[in-house]
Amino acid sequence: MQAKDIMTTNVVTIKPEAKIEEGMRLLLSNNISGLIVVNDNLEAVGVVTEKDFLVAYDFLGSKDALVKEFYSKDVISISEDDLVEDVSRLLVKKNIKRVPVIKEKKVVGIVSRIDIIEHILKEK
């Protein structure tokens, strides 16, 4: 099975210029723990997590800080054709919870640890 078979296609994203308060609200309203940071062309430029928001708030004491000041710019990504087993190993090896799926430089999906666990439980 490939990443495209288990990925979530409704990816919640945020722009680098957004305030961290907006990002925190997106996490809560979508019951997720991280967001893909995208530029105006919808290309992944980073990832921002709940931990990043806590660090930002603790460091500045304000919800007005911008995402671009705290997000991780080293984007680890996969393609739609990557095997689920390889994606699982990548998440474990890199100690990450989610990975964006990229096609022609655009974010087309996301695969999280829970997506892989659901896949494992559905296997016969």
PDB file of N, CA and C in Angstrom:
ATOM      1  N   MET A   1       0.840  -1.181   0.000  1.00  0.00           N
ATOM      2  CA  MET A   1       0.000   0.000   0.000  1.00  0.00           C
ATOM      3  C   MET A   1       0.888   1.248   0.000  1.00  0.00           C
ATOM      4  N   GLN A   2       0.398   2.301  -0.611  1.00  0.00           N
ATOM      5  CA  GLN A   2       1.184   3.517  -0.758  1.00  0.00           C
ATOM      6  C   GLN A   2       0.616   4.650   0.101  1.00  0.00           C
ATOM      7  N   ALA A   3       1.427   5.695   0.259  1.00  0.00           N
ATOM      8  CA  ALA A   3       1.020   6.844   1.069  1.00  0.00           C
ATOM      9  C   ALA A   3      -0.303   7.427   0.583  1.00  0.00           C
ATOM     10  N   LYS A   4      -0.498   7.475  -0.726  1.00  0.00           N
ATOM     11  CA  LYS A   4      -1.735   8.064  -1.266  1.00  0.00           C
ATOM     12  C   LYS A   4      -2.978   7.304  -0.833  1.00  0.00           C
ATOM     13  N   ASP A   5      -2.809   6.043  -0.432  1.00  0.00           N
ATOM     14  CA  ASP A   5      -3.937   5.227  -0.016  1.00  0.00           C
ATOM     15  C   ASP A   5      -4.390   5.515   1.416  1.00  0.00           C
ATOM     16  N   ILE A   6      -3.527   6.109   2.220  1.00  0.00           N
ATOM     17  CA  ILE A   6      -3.876   6.353   3.619  1.00  0.00           C
ATOM     18  C   ILE A   6      -3.780   7.823   4.026  1.00  0.00           C
ATOM     19  N   MET A   7      -3.276   8.674   3.152  1.00  0.00           N
ATOM     20  CA  MET A   7      -3.051  10.073   3.529  1.00  0.00           C
ATOM     21  C   MET A   7      -4.366  10.826   3.720  1.00  0.00           C
ATOM     22  N   THR A   8      -4.286  11.841   4.544  1.00  0.00           N
ATOM     23  CA  THR A   8      -5.380  12.783   4.718  1.00  0.00           C
ATOM     24  C   THR A   8      -5.182  13.866   3.672  1.00  0.00           C
ATOM     25  N   THR A   9      -6.204  14.138   2.890  1.00  0.00           N
ATOM     26  CA  THR A   9      -6.052  15.126   1.816  1.00  0.00           C
ATOM     27  C   THR A   9      -6.512  16.527   2.223  1.00  0.00           C
ATOM     28  N   ASN A  10      -7.278  16.613   3.287  1.00  0.00           N
ATOM     29  CA  ASN A  10      -7.717  17.912   3.784  1.00  0.00           C
ATOM     30  C   ASN A  10      -6.669  18.398   4.792  1.00  0.00           C
ATOM     31  N   VAL A  11      -5.574  18.941   4.280  1.00  0.00           N
ATOM     32  CA  VAL A  11      -4.441  19.315   5.121  1.00  0.00           C
ATOM     33  C   VAL A  11      -4.661  20.709   5.698  1.00  0.00           C
ATOM     34  N   VAL A  12      -4.507  20.821   6.999  1.00  0.00           N
ATOM     35  CA  VAL A  12      -4.634  22.115   7.668  1.00  0.00           C
ATOM     36  C   VAL A  12      -3.271  22.787   7.613  1.00  0.00           C
ATOM     37  N   THR A  13      -3.248  23.965   7.001  1.00  0.00           N
ATOM     38  CA  THR A  13      -1.987  24.682   6.813  1.00  0.00           C
ATOM     39  C   THR A  13      -2.067  26.071   7.426  1.00  0.00           C
ATOM     40  N   ILE A  14      -0.909  26.700   7.504  1.00  0.00           N
ATOM     41  CA  ILE A  14      -0.825  28.062   8.027  1.00  0.00           C
ATOM     42  C   ILE A  14       0.288  28.788   7.287  1.00  0.00           C
ATOM     43  N   LYS A  15       0.159  30.086   7.180  1.00  0.00           N
ATOM     44  CA  LYS A  15       1.183  30.913   6.529  1.00  0.00           C
ATOM     45  C   LYS A  15       2.203  31.376   7.573  1.00  0.00           C
ATOM     46  N   PRO A  16       3.435  31.610   7.169  1.00  0.00           N
ATOM     47  CA  PRO A  16       4.466  32.064   8.116  1.00  0.00           C
ATOM     48  C   PRO A  16       4.108  33.386   8.791  1.00  0.00           C
ATOM     49  N   GLU A  17       3.325  34.228   8.126  1.00  0.00           N
ATOM     50  CA  GLU A  17       2.989  35.556   8.648  1.00  0.00           C
ATOM     51  C   GLU A  17       1.837  35.532   9.657  1.00  0.00           C
ATOM     52  N   ALA A  18       1.234  34.367   9.867  1.00  0.00           N
ATOM     53  CA  ALA A  18       0.117  34.261  10.812  1.00  0.00           C
ATOM     54  C   ALA A  18       0.617  34.377  12.251  1.00  0.00           C
ATOM     55  N   LYS A  19      -0.247  34.829  13.124  1.00  0.00           N
ATOM     56  CA  LYS A  19       0.085  34.893  14.553  1.00  0.00           C
ATOM     57  C   LYS A  19      -0.028  33.497  15.158  1.00  0.00           C
ATOM     58  N   ILE A  20       0.747  33.256  16.205  1.00  0.00           N
ATOM     59  CA  ILE A  20       0.707  31.930  16.829  1.00  0.00           C
ATOM     60  C   ILE A  20      -0.667  31.643  17.429  1.00  0.00           C
ATOM     61  N   GLU A  21      -1.390  32.677  17.814  1.00  0.00           N
ATOM     62  CA  GLU A  21      -2.741  32.465  18.336  1.00  0.00           C
ATOM     63  C   GLU A  21      -3.617  31.778  17.285  1.00  0.00           C
ATOM     64  N   GLU A  22      -3.514  32.196  16.031  1.00  0.00           N
ATOM     65  CA  GLU A  22      -4.277  31.558  14.956  1.00  0.00           C
ATOM     66  C   GLU A  22      -3.884  30.089  14.831  1.00  0.00           C
ATOM     67  N   GLY A  23      -2.592  29.812  14.908  1.00  0.00           N
ATOM     68  CA  GLY A  23      -2.124  28.435  14.829  1.00  0.00           C
ATOM     69  C   GLY A  23      -2.646  27.577  15.970  1.00  0.00           C
ATOM     70  N   MET A  24      -2.626  28.121  17.182  1.00  0.00           N
ATOM     71  CA  MET A  24      -3.140  27.381  18.338  1.00  0.00           C
ATOM     72  C   MET A  24      -4.626  27.068  18.153  1.00  0.00           C
ATOM     73  N   ARG A  25      -5.362  28.033  17.643  1.00  0.00           N
ATOM     74  CA  ARG A  25      -6.796  27.822  17.415  1.00  0.00           C
ATOM     75  C   ARG A  25      -7.037  26.746  16.342  1.00  0.00           C
ATOM     76  N   LEU A  26      -6.200  26.746  15.305  1.00  0.00           N
ATOM     77  CA  LEU A  26      -6.321  25.710  14.267  1.00  0.00           C
ATOM     78  C   LEU A  26      -6.061  24.320  14.836  1.00  0.00           C
ATOM     79  N   LEU A  27      -5.056  24.204  15.705  1.00  0.00           N
ATOM     80  CA  LEU A  27      -4.779  22.914  16.342  1.00  0.00           C
ATOM     81  C   LEU A  27      -5.999  22.429  17.119  1.00  0.00           C
ATOM     82  N   LEU A  28      -6.542  23.315  17.950  1.00  0.00           N
ATOM     83  CA  LEU A  28      -7.682  22.935  18.785  1.00  0.00           C
ATOM     84  C   LEU A  28      -8.923  22.602  17.968  1.00  0.00           C
ATOM     85  N   SER A  29      -9.245  23.441  17.000  1.00  0.00           N
ATOM     86  CA  SER A  29     -10.479  23.227  16.242  1.00  0.00           C
ATOM     87  C   SER A  29     -10.414  22.004  15.333  1.00  0.00           C
ATOM     88  N   ASN A  30      -9.203  21.577  14.983  1.00  0.00           N
ATOM     89  CA  ASN A  30      -9.053  20.405  14.110  1.00  0.00           C
ATOM     90  C   ASN A  30      -8.555  19.173  14.846  1.00  0.00           C
ATOM     91  N   ASN A  31      -8.354  19.307  16.164  1.00  0.00           N
ATOM     92  CA  ASN A  31      -7.885  18.196  17.000  1.00  0.00           C
ATOM     93  C   ASN A  31      -6.621  17.556  16.429  1.00  0.00           C
ATOM     94  N   ILE A  32      -5.634  18.419  16.125  1.00  0.00           N
ATOM     95  CA  ILE A  32      -4.353  17.955  15.587  1.00  0.00           C
ATOM     96  C   ILE A  32      -3.221  18.530  16.422  1.00  0.00           C
ATOM     97  N   SER A  33      -2.007  18.056  16.187  1.00  0.00           N
ATOM     98  CA  SER A  33      -0.872  18.501  17.001  1.00  0.00           C
ATOM     99  C   SER A  33       0.184  19.271  16.211  1.00  0.00           C
ATOM    100  N   GLY A  34      -0.052  19.467  14.920  1.00  0.00           N
ATOM    101  CA  GLY A  34       0.916  20.207  14.118  1.00  0.00           C
ATOM    102  C   GLY A  34       0.307  20.692  12.819  1.00  0.00           C
ATOM    103  N   LEU A  35       0.934  21.720  12.252  1.00  0.00           N
ATOM    104  CA  LEU A  35       0.460  22.324  11.012  1.00  0.00           C
ATOM    105  C   LEU A  35       1.597  22.388  10.002  1.00  0.00           C
ATOM    106  N   ILE A  36       1.259  22.253   8.747  1.00  0.00           N
ATOM    107  CA  ILE A  36       2.226  22.457   7.682  1.00  0.00           C
ATOM    108  C   ILE A  36       2.231  23.948   7.356  1.00  0.00           C
ATOM    109  N   VAL A  37       3.412  24.538   7.335  1.00  0.00           N
ATOM    110  CA  VAL A  37       3.551  25.951   7.000  1.00  0.00           C
ATOM    111  C   VAL A  37       3.770  26.029   5.493  1.00  0.00           C
ATOM    112  N   VAL A  38       2.938  26.833   4.826  1.00  0.00           N
ATOM    113  CA  VAL A  38       3.006  26.938   3.364  1.00  0.00           C
ATOM    114  C   VAL A  38       3.195  28.390   2.932  1.00  0.00           C
ATOM    115  N   ASN A  39       3.815  28.541   1.766  1.00  0.00           N
ATOM    116  CA  ASN A  39       3.956  29.879   1.179  1.00  0.00           C
ATOM    117  C   ASN A  39       2.731  30.183   0.321  1.00  0.00           C
ATOM    118  N   ASP A  40       2.770  31.284  -0.388  1.00  0.00           N
ATOM    119  CA  ASP A  40       1.618  31.690  -1.205  1.00  0.00           C
ATOM    120  C   ASP A  40       1.324  30.729  -2.353  1.00  0.00           C
ATOM    121  N   ASN A  41       2.314  29.910  -2.748  1.00  0.00           N
ATOM    122  CA  ASN A  41       2.127  28.921  -3.813  1.00  0.00           C
ATOM    123  C   ASN A  41       1.691  27.563  -3.273  1.00  0.00           C
ATOM    124  N   LEU A  42       1.365  27.519  -1.973  1.00  0.00           N
ATOM    125  CA  LEU A  42       0.966  26.284  -1.279  1.00  0.00           C
ATOM    126  C   LEU A  42       2.073  25.240  -1.248  1.00  0.00           C
ATOM    127  N   GLU A  43       3.311  25.699  -1.279  1.00  0.00           N
ATOM    128  CA  GLU A  43       4.468  24.815  -1.142  1.00  0.00           C
ATOM    129  C   GLU A  43       4.850  24.757   0.330  1.00  0.00           C
ATOM    130  N   ALA A  44       5.163  23.559   0.807  1.00  0.00           N
ATOM    131  CA  ALA A  44       5.558  23.397   2.205  1.00  0.00           C
ATOM    132  C   ALA A  44       6.902  24.066   2.448  1.00  0.00           C
ATOM    133  N   VAL A  45       6.923  24.953   3.432  1.00  0.00           N
ATOM    134  CA  VAL A  45       8.172  25.618   3.794  1.00  0.00           C
ATOM    135  C   VAL A  45       8.583  25.275   5.216  1.00  0.00           C
ATOM    136  N   GLY A  46       7.719  24.551   5.934  1.00  0.00           N
ATOM    137  CA  GLY A  46       8.055  24.179   7.298  1.00  0.00           C
ATOM    138  C   GLY A  46       6.908  23.475   7.993  1.00  0.00           C
ATOM    139  N   VAL A  47       7.144  23.225   9.273  1.00  0.00           N
ATOM    140  CA  VAL A  47       6.167  22.576  10.140  1.00  0.00           C
ATOM    141  C   VAL A  47       6.178  23.319  11.469  1.00  0.00           C
ATOM    142  N   VAL A  48       5.010  23.502  12.049  1.00  0.00           N
ATOM    143  CA  VAL A  48       4.918  24.108  13.381  1.00  0.00           C
ATOM    144  C   VAL A  48       4.030  23.201  14.227  1.00  0.00           C
ATOM    145  N   THR A  49       4.487  22.913  15.437  1.00  0.00           N
ATOM    146  CA  THR A  49       3.809  21.947  16.297  1.00  0.00           C
ATOM    147  C   THR A  49       3.310  22.616  17.574  1.00  0.00           C
ATOM    148  N   GLU A  50       2.536  21.850  18.325  1.00  0.00           N
ATOM    149  CA  GLU A  50       2.048  22.351  19.606  1.00  0.00           C
ATOM    150  C   GLU A  50       3.215  22.731  20.510  1.00  0.00           C
ATOM    151  N   LYS A  51       4.289  21.984  20.461  1.00  0.00           N
ATOM    152  CA  LYS A  51       5.474  22.316  21.264  1.00  0.00           C
ATOM    153  C   LYS A  51       6.047  23.670  20.840  1.00  0.00           C
ATOM    154  N   ASP A  52       6.125  23.910  19.535  1.00  0.00           N
ATOM    155  CA  ASP A  52       6.626  25.199  19.054  1.00  0.00           C
ATOM    156  C   ASP A  52       5.778  26.354  19.581  1.00  0.00           C
ATOM    157  N   PHE A  53       4.468  26.174  19.610  1.00  0.00           N
ATOM    158  CA  PHE A  53       3.593  27.231  20.109  1.00  0.00           C
ATOM    159  C   PHE A  53       3.810  27.471  21.602  1.00  0.00           C
ATOM    160  N   LEU A  54       4.006  26.397  22.355  1.00  0.00           N
ATOM    161  CA  LEU A  54       4.274  26.551  23.790  1.00  0.00           C
ATOM    162  C   LEU A  54       5.598  27.266  24.034  1.00  0.00           C
ATOM    163  N   VAL A  55       6.619  26.898  23.269  1.00  0.00           N
ATOM    164  CA  VAL A  55       7.921  27.559  23.385  1.00  0.00           C
ATOM    165  C   VAL A  55       7.792  29.037  23.035  1.00  0.00           C
ATOM    166  N   ALA A  56       7.087  29.332  21.955  1.00  0.00           N
ATOM    167  CA  ALA A  56       6.907  30.720  21.520  1.00  0.00           C
ATOM    168  C   ALA A  56       6.198  31.536  22.597  1.00  0.00           C
ATOM    169  N   TYR A  57       5.140  30.975  23.146  1.00  0.00           N
ATOM    170  CA  TYR A  57       4.387  31.704  24.166  1.00  0.00           C
ATOM    171  C   TYR A  57       5.216  31.871  25.439  1.00  0.00           C
ATOM    172  N   ASP A  58       5.914  30.813  25.825  1.00  0.00           N
ATOM    173  CA  ASP A  58       6.742  30.875  27.035  1.00  0.00           C
ATOM    174  C   ASP A  58       7.870  31.890  26.872  1.00  0.00           C
ATOM    175  N   PHE A  59       8.459  31.912  25.704  1.00  0.00           N
ATOM    176  CA  PHE A  59       9.588  32.809  25.432  1.00  0.00           C
ATOM    177  C   PHE A  59       9.147  34.269  25.365  1.00  0.00           C
ATOM    178  N   LEU A  60       8.025  34.528  24.712  1.00  0.00           N
ATOM    179  CA  LEU A  60       7.580  35.907  24.509  1.00  0.00           C
ATOM    180  C   LEU A  60       6.465  36.358  25.450  1.00  0.00           C
ATOM    181  N   GLY A  61       5.743  35.388  25.995  1.00  0.00           N
ATOM    182  CA  GLY A  61       4.631  35.748  26.861  1.00  0.00           C
ATOM    183  C   GLY A  61       3.497  36.409  26.111  1.00  0.00           C
ATOM    184  N   SER A  62       3.402  36.154  24.812  1.00  0.00           N
ATOM    185  CA  SER A  62       2.382  36.795  23.984  1.00  0.00           C
ATOM    186  C   SER A  62       1.899  35.842  22.899  1.00  0.00           C
ATOM    187  N   LYS A  63       0.627  35.970  22.552  1.00  0.00           N
ATOM    188  CA  LYS A  63       0.052  35.181  21.459  1.00  0.00           C
ATOM    189  C   LYS A  63       0.201  35.903  20.128  1.00  0.00           C
ATOM    190  N   ASP A  64       0.838  37.059  20.149  1.00  0.00           N
ATOM    191  CA  ASP A  64       0.974  37.869  18.937  1.00  0.00           C
ATOM    192  C   ASP A  64       2.225  37.559  18.116  1.00  0.00           C
ATOM    193  N   ALA A  65       3.083  36.682  18.617  1.00  0.00           N
ATOM    194  CA  ALA A  65       4.282  36.314  17.856  1.00  0.00           C
ATOM    195  C   ALA A  65       3.853  35.695  16.531  1.00  0.00           C
ATOM    196  N   LEU A  66       4.717  35.779  15.546  1.00  0.00           N
ATOM    197  CA  LEU A  66       4.416  35.229  14.228  1.00  0.00           C
ATOM    198  C   LEU A  66       4.958  33.816  14.087  1.00  0.00           C
ATOM    199  N   VAL A  67       4.241  33.004  13.351  1.00  0.00           N
ATOM    200  CA  VAL A  67       4.650  31.626  13.109  1.00  0.00           C
ATOM    201  C   VAL A  67       6.066  31.572  12.536  1.00  0.00           C
ATOM    202  N   LYS A  68       6.405  32.503  11.660  1.00  0.00           N
ATOM    203  CA  LYS A  68       7.715  32.476  10.995  1.00  0.00           C
ATOM    204  C   LYS A  68       8.882  32.595  11.958  1.00  0.00           C
ATOM    205  N   GLU A  69       8.620  33.024  13.178  1.00  0.00           N
ATOM    206  CA  GLU A  69       9.684  33.159  14.171  1.00  0.00           C
ATOM    207  C   GLU A  69       9.988  31.841  14.879  1.00  0.00           C
ATOM    208  N   PHE A  70       9.106  30.839  14.734  1.00  0.00           N
ATOM    209  CA  PHE A  70       9.249  29.633  15.542  1.00  0.00           C
ATOM    210  C   PHE A  70       9.104  28.305  14.804  1.00  0.00           C
ATOM    211  N   TYR A  71       8.704  28.323  13.560  1.00  0.00           N
ATOM    212  CA  TYR A  71       8.468  27.037  12.895  1.00  0.00           C
ATOM    213  C   TYR A  71       9.777  26.381  12.454  1.00  0.00           C
ATOM    214  N   SER A  72       9.726  25.067  12.279  1.00  0.00           N
ATOM    215  CA  SER A  72      10.882  24.288  11.811  1.00  0.00           C
ATOM    216  C   SER A  72      10.926  24.366  10.293  1.00  0.00           C
ATOM    217  N   LYS A  73      12.039  24.836   9.778  1.00  0.00           N
ATOM    218  CA  LYS A  73      12.156  25.047   8.331  1.00  0.00           C
ATOM    219  C   LYS A  73      12.682  23.824   7.584  1.00  0.00           C
ATOM    220  N   ASP A  74      13.156  22.848   8.308  1.00  0.00           N
ATOM    221  CA  ASP A  74      13.676  21.623   7.702  1.00  0.00           C
ATOM    222  C   ASP A  74      12.510  20.664   7.459  1.00  0.00           C
ATOM    223  N   VAL A  75      11.927  20.731   6.268  1.00  0.00           N
ATOM    224  CA  VAL A  75      10.743  19.930   5.954  1.00  0.00           C
ATOM    225  C   VAL A  75      11.158  18.547   5.462  1.00  0.00           C
ATOM    226  N   ILE A  76      10.704  17.542   6.173  1.00  0.00           N
ATOM    227  CA  ILE A  76      10.856  16.166   5.729  1.00  0.00           C
ATOM    228  C   ILE A  76       9.547  15.821   5.050  1.00  0.00           C
ATOM    229  N   SER A  77       9.602  15.360   3.811  1.00  0.00           N
ATOM    230  CA  SER A  77       8.369  15.080   3.069  1.00  0.00           C
ATOM    231  C   SER A  77       8.476  13.743   2.350  1.00  0.00           C
ATOM    232  N   ILE A  78       7.337  13.310   1.835  1.00  0.00           N
ATOM    233  CA  ILE A  78       7.264  12.058   1.085  1.00  0.00           C
ATOM    234  C   ILE A  78       6.468  12.310  -0.190  1.00  0.00           C
ATOM    235  N   SER A  79       6.459  11.307  -1.067  1.00  0.00           N
ATOM    236  CA  SER A  79       5.633  11.376  -2.269  1.00  0.00           C
ATOM    237  C   SER A  79       4.442  10.436  -2.110  1.00  0.00           C
ATOM    238  N   GLU A  80       3.454  10.610  -2.955  1.00  0.00           N
ATOM    239  CA  GLU A  80       2.252   9.774  -2.915  1.00  0.00           C
ATOM    240  C   GLU A  80       2.563   8.297  -3.117  1.00  0.00           C
ATOM    241  N   ASP A  81       3.634   8.010  -3.829  1.00  0.00           N
ATOM    242  CA  ASP A  81       3.954   6.630  -4.186  1.00  0.00           C
ATOM    243  C   ASP A  81       4.821   5.903  -3.160  1.00  0.00           C
ATOM    244  N   ASP A  82       5.259   6.606  -2.124  1.00  0.00           N
ATOM    245  CA  ASP A  82       6.074   5.947  -1.098  1.00  0.00           C
ATOM    246  C   ASP A  82       5.257   4.873  -0.395  1.00  0.00           C
ATOM    247  N   LEU A  83       5.904   3.763  -0.096  1.00  0.00           N
ATOM    248  CA  LEU A  83       5.225   2.665   0.592  1.00  0.00           C
ATOM    249  C   LEU A  83       4.952   3.026   2.044  1.00  0.00           C
ATOM    250  N   VAL A  84       3.796   2.588   2.547  1.00  0.00           N
ATOM    251  CA  VAL A  84       3.407   2.884   3.924  1.00  0.00           C
ATOM    252  C   VAL A  84       4.468   2.401   4.910  1.00  0.00           C
ATOM    253  N   GLU A  85       5.050   1.239   4.645  1.00  0.00           N
ATOM    254  CA  GLU A  85       6.077   0.702   5.535  1.00  0.00           C
ATOM    255  C   GLU A  85       7.285   1.640   5.607  1.00  0.00           C
ATOM    256  N   ASP A  86       7.650   2.219   4.482  1.00  0.00           N
ATOM    257  CA  ASP A  86       8.778   3.154   4.455  1.00  0.00           C
ATOM    258  C   ASP A  86       8.440   4.451   5.188  1.00  0.00           C
ATOM    259  N   VAL A  87       7.208   4.902   5.035  1.00  0.00           N
ATOM    260  CA  VAL A  87       6.771   6.111   5.734  1.00  0.00           C
ATOM    261  C   VAL A  87       6.786   5.869   7.244  1.00  0.00           C
ATOM    262  N   SER A  88       6.327   4.711   7.670  1.00  0.00           N
ATOM    263  CA  SER A  88       6.329   4.362   9.086  1.00  0.00           C
ATOM    264  C   SER A  88       7.751   4.385   9.647  1.00  0.00           C
ATOM    265  N   ARG A  89       8.663   3.793   8.916  1.00  0.00           N
ATOM    266  CA  ARG A  89      10.068   3.779   9.366  1.00  0.00           C
ATOM    267  C   ARG A  89      10.642   5.192   9.440  1.00  0.00           C
ATOM    268  N   LEU A  90      10.275   6.027   8.472  1.00  0.00           N
ATOM    269  CA  LEU A  90      10.748   7.414   8.454  1.00  0.00           C
ATOM    270  C   LEU A  90      10.264   8.176   9.693  1.00  0.00           C
ATOM    271  N   LEU A  91       8.990   8.032  10.007  1.00  0.00           N
ATOM    272  CA  LEU A  91       8.436   8.716  11.177  1.00  0.00           C
ATOM    273  C   LEU A  91       9.150   8.286  12.458  1.00  0.00           C
ATOM    274  N   VAL A  92       9.414   6.994  12.569  1.00  0.00           N
ATOM    275  CA  VAL A  92      10.096   6.481  13.759  1.00  0.00           C
ATOM    276  C   VAL A  92      11.553   6.949  13.786  1.00  0.00           C
ATOM    277  N   LYS A  93      12.241   6.798  12.672  1.00  0.00           N
ATOM    278  CA  LYS A  93      13.668   7.153  12.603  1.00  0.00           C
ATOM    279  C   LYS A  93      13.897   8.639  12.884  1.00  0.00           C
ATOM    280  N   LYS A  94      13.046   9.493  12.327  1.00  0.00           N
ATOM    281  CA  LYS A  94      13.205  10.946  12.486  1.00  0.00           C
ATOM    282  C   LYS A  94      12.480  11.482  13.719  1.00  0.00           C
ATOM    283  N   ASN A  95      11.767  10.600  14.428  1.00  0.00           N
ATOM    284  CA  ASN A  95      11.004  10.968  15.624  1.00  0.00           C
ATOM    285  C   ASN A  95      10.041  12.123  15.345  1.00  0.00           C
ATOM    286  N   ILE A  96       9.265  11.968  14.268  1.00  0.00           N
ATOM    287  CA  ILE A  96       8.268  12.964  13.903  1.00  0.00           C
ATOM    288  C   ILE A  96       6.883  12.321  13.908  1.00  0.00           C
ATOM    289  N   LYS A  97       5.854  13.139  14.068  1.00  0.00           N
ATOM    290  CA  LYS A  97       4.489  12.623  14.177  1.00  0.00           C
ATOM    291  C   LYS A  97       3.722  12.651  12.866  1.00  0.00           C
ATOM    292  N   ARG A  98       4.197  13.482  11.929  1.00  0.00           N
ATOM    293  CA  ARG A  98       3.472  13.645  10.669  1.00  0.00           C
ATOM    294  C   ARG A  98       4.453  14.009   9.576  1.00  0.00           C
ATOM    295  N   VAL A  99       4.055  13.759   8.340  1.00  0.00           N
ATOM    296  CA  VAL A  99       4.913  14.113   7.203  1.00  0.00           C
ATOM    297  C   VAL A  99       4.020  14.550   6.038  1.00  0.00           C
ATOM    298  N   PRO A 100       4.331  15.697   5.449  1.00  0.00           N
ATOM    299  CA  PRO A 100       3.524  16.135   4.306  1.00  0.00           C
ATOM    300  C   PRO A 100       3.809  15.305   3.064  1.00  0.00           C
ATOM    301  N   VAL A 101       2.780  15.133   2.255  1.00  0.00           N
ATOM    302  CA  VAL A 101       2.898  14.436   0.970  1.00  0.00           C
ATOM    303  C   VAL A 101       2.963  15.527  -0.097  1.00  0.00           C
ATOM    304  N   ILE A 102       4.031  15.494  -0.888  1.00  0.00           N
ATOM    305  CA  ILE A 102       4.287  16.547  -1.865  1.00  0.00           C
ATOM    306  C   ILE A 102       4.185  15.981  -3.281  1.00  0.00           C
ATOM    307  N   LYS A 103       3.511  16.758  -4.143  1.00  0.00           N
ATOM    308  CA  LYS A 103       3.422  16.422  -5.572  1.00  0.00           C
ATOM    309  C   LYS A 103       3.623  17.716  -6.343  1.00  0.00           C
ATOM    310  N   GLU A 104       4.627  17.726  -7.192  1.00  0.00           N
ATOM    311  CA  GLU A 104       4.954  18.913  -7.983  1.00  0.00           C
ATOM    312  C   GLU A 104       5.091  20.150  -7.089  1.00  0.00           C
ATOM    313  N   LYS A 105       5.813  19.983  -5.991  1.00  0.00           N
ATOM    314  CA  LYS A 105       6.130  21.034  -5.007  1.00  0.00           C
ATOM    315  C   LYS A 105       4.961  21.470  -4.135  1.00  0.00           C
ATOM    316  N   LYS A 106       3.771  20.931  -4.366  1.00  0.00           N
ATOM    317  CA  LYS A 106       2.580  21.321  -3.612  1.00  0.00           C
ATOM    318  C   LYS A 106       2.225  20.265  -2.566  1.00  0.00           C
ATOM    319  N   VAL A 107       1.644  20.728  -1.461  1.00  0.00           N
ATOM    320  CA  VAL A 107       1.163  19.813  -0.426  1.00  0.00           C
ATOM    321  C   VAL A 107      -0.164  19.221  -0.894  1.00  0.00           C
ATOM    322  N   VAL A 108      -0.200  17.898  -1.053  1.00  0.00           N
ATOM    323  CA  VAL A 108      -1.429  17.233  -1.497  1.00  0.00           C
ATOM    324  C   VAL A 108      -2.023  16.325  -0.421  1.00  0.00           C
ATOM    325  N   GLY A 109      -1.284  16.166   0.666  1.00  0.00           N
ATOM    326  CA  GLY A 109      -1.770  15.308   1.739  1.00  0.00           C
ATOM    327  C   GLY A 109      -0.819  15.322   2.912  1.00  0.00           C
ATOM    328  N   ILE A 110      -1.189  14.554   3.912  1.00  0.00           N
ATOM    329  CA  ILE A 110      -0.343  14.389   5.091  1.00  0.00           C
ATOM    330  C   ILE A 110      -0.570  12.984   5.628  1.00  0.00           C
ATOM    331  N   VAL A 111       0.497  12.364   6.109  1.00  0.00           N
ATOM    332  CA  VAL A 111       0.394  11.053   6.751  1.00  0.00           C
ATOM    333  C   VAL A 111       0.912  11.214   8.171  1.00  0.00           C
ATOM    334  N   SER A 112       0.098  10.793   9.120  1.00  0.00           N
ATOM    335  CA  SER A 112       0.483  10.872  10.525  1.00  0.00           C
ATOM    336  C   SER A 112       0.657   9.467  11.093  1.00  0.00           C
ATOM    337  N   ARG A 113       1.195   9.413  12.282  1.00  0.00           N
ATOM    338  CA  ARG A 113       1.356   8.116  12.948  1.00  0.00           C
ATOM    339  C   ARG A 113       0.014   7.409  13.077  1.00  0.00           C
ATOM    340  N   ILE A 114      -1.030   8.158  13.396  1.00  0.00           N
ATOM    341  CA  ILE A 114      -2.338   7.539  13.594  1.00  0.00           C
ATOM    342  C   ILE A 114      -2.888   6.969  12.288  1.00  0.00           C
ATOM    343  N   ASP A 115      -2.577   7.607  11.155  1.00  0.00           N
ATOM    344  CA  ASP A 115      -2.990   7.058   9.858  1.00  0.00           C
ATOM    345  C   ASP A 115      -2.368   5.677   9.645  1.00  0.00           C
ATOM    346  N   ILE A 116      -1.121   5.549  10.025  1.00  0.00           N
ATOM    347  CA  ILE A 116      -0.424   4.261   9.860  1.00  0.00           C
ATOM    348  C   ILE A 116      -0.972   3.225  10.815  1.00  0.00           C
ATOM    349  N   ILE A 117      -1.264   3.643  12.052  1.00  0.00           N
ATOM    350  CA  ILE A 117      -1.846   2.703  13.014  1.00  0.00           C
ATOM    351  C   ILE A 117      -3.204   2.221  12.516  1.00  0.00           C
ATOM    352  N   GLU A 118      -4.029   3.112  11.987  1.00  0.00           N
ATOM    353  CA  GLU A 118      -5.323   2.711  11.425  1.00  0.00           C
ATOM    354  C   GLU A 118      -5.126   1.716  10.286  1.00  0.00           C
ATOM    355  N   HIS A 119      -4.129   1.960   9.446  1.00  0.00           N
ATOM    356  CA  HIS A 119      -3.836   1.048   8.334  1.00  0.00           C
ATOM    357  C   HIS A 119      -3.460  -0.336   8.867  1.00  0.00           C
ATOM    358  N   ILE A 120      -2.612  -0.373   9.878  1.00  0.00           N
ATOM    359  CA  ILE A 120      -2.168  -1.647  10.450  1.00  0.00           C
ATOM    360  C   ILE A 120      -3.363  -2.424  11.001  1.00  0.00           C
ATOM    361  N   LEU A 121      -4.262  -1.739  11.691  1.00  0.00           N
ATOM    362  CA  LEU A 121      -5.426  -2.406  12.278  1.00  0.00           C
ATOM    363  C   LEU A 121      -6.410  -2.905  11.229  1.00  0.00           C
ATOM    364  N   LYS A 122      -6.444  -2.261  10.058  1.00  0.00           N
ATOM    365  CA  LYS A 122      -7.362  -2.676   8.995  1.00  0.00           C
ATOM    366  C   LYS A 122      -6.810  -3.832   8.159  1.00  0.00           C
ATOM    367  N   GLU A 123      -5.490  -4.063   8.249  1.00  0.00           N
ATOM    368  CA  GLU A 123      -4.882  -5.152   7.470  1.00  0.00           C
ATOM    369  C   GLU A 123      -5.440  -6.487   7.902  1.00  0.00           C
ATOM    370  N   LYS A 124      -5.549  -7.367   6.949  1.00  0.00           N
ATOM    371  CA  LYS A 124      -6.072  -8.711   7.241  1.00  0.00           C
ATOM    372  C   LYS A 124      -4.949  -9.627   7.639  1.00  0.00           C
TER     373      LYS A 124
END
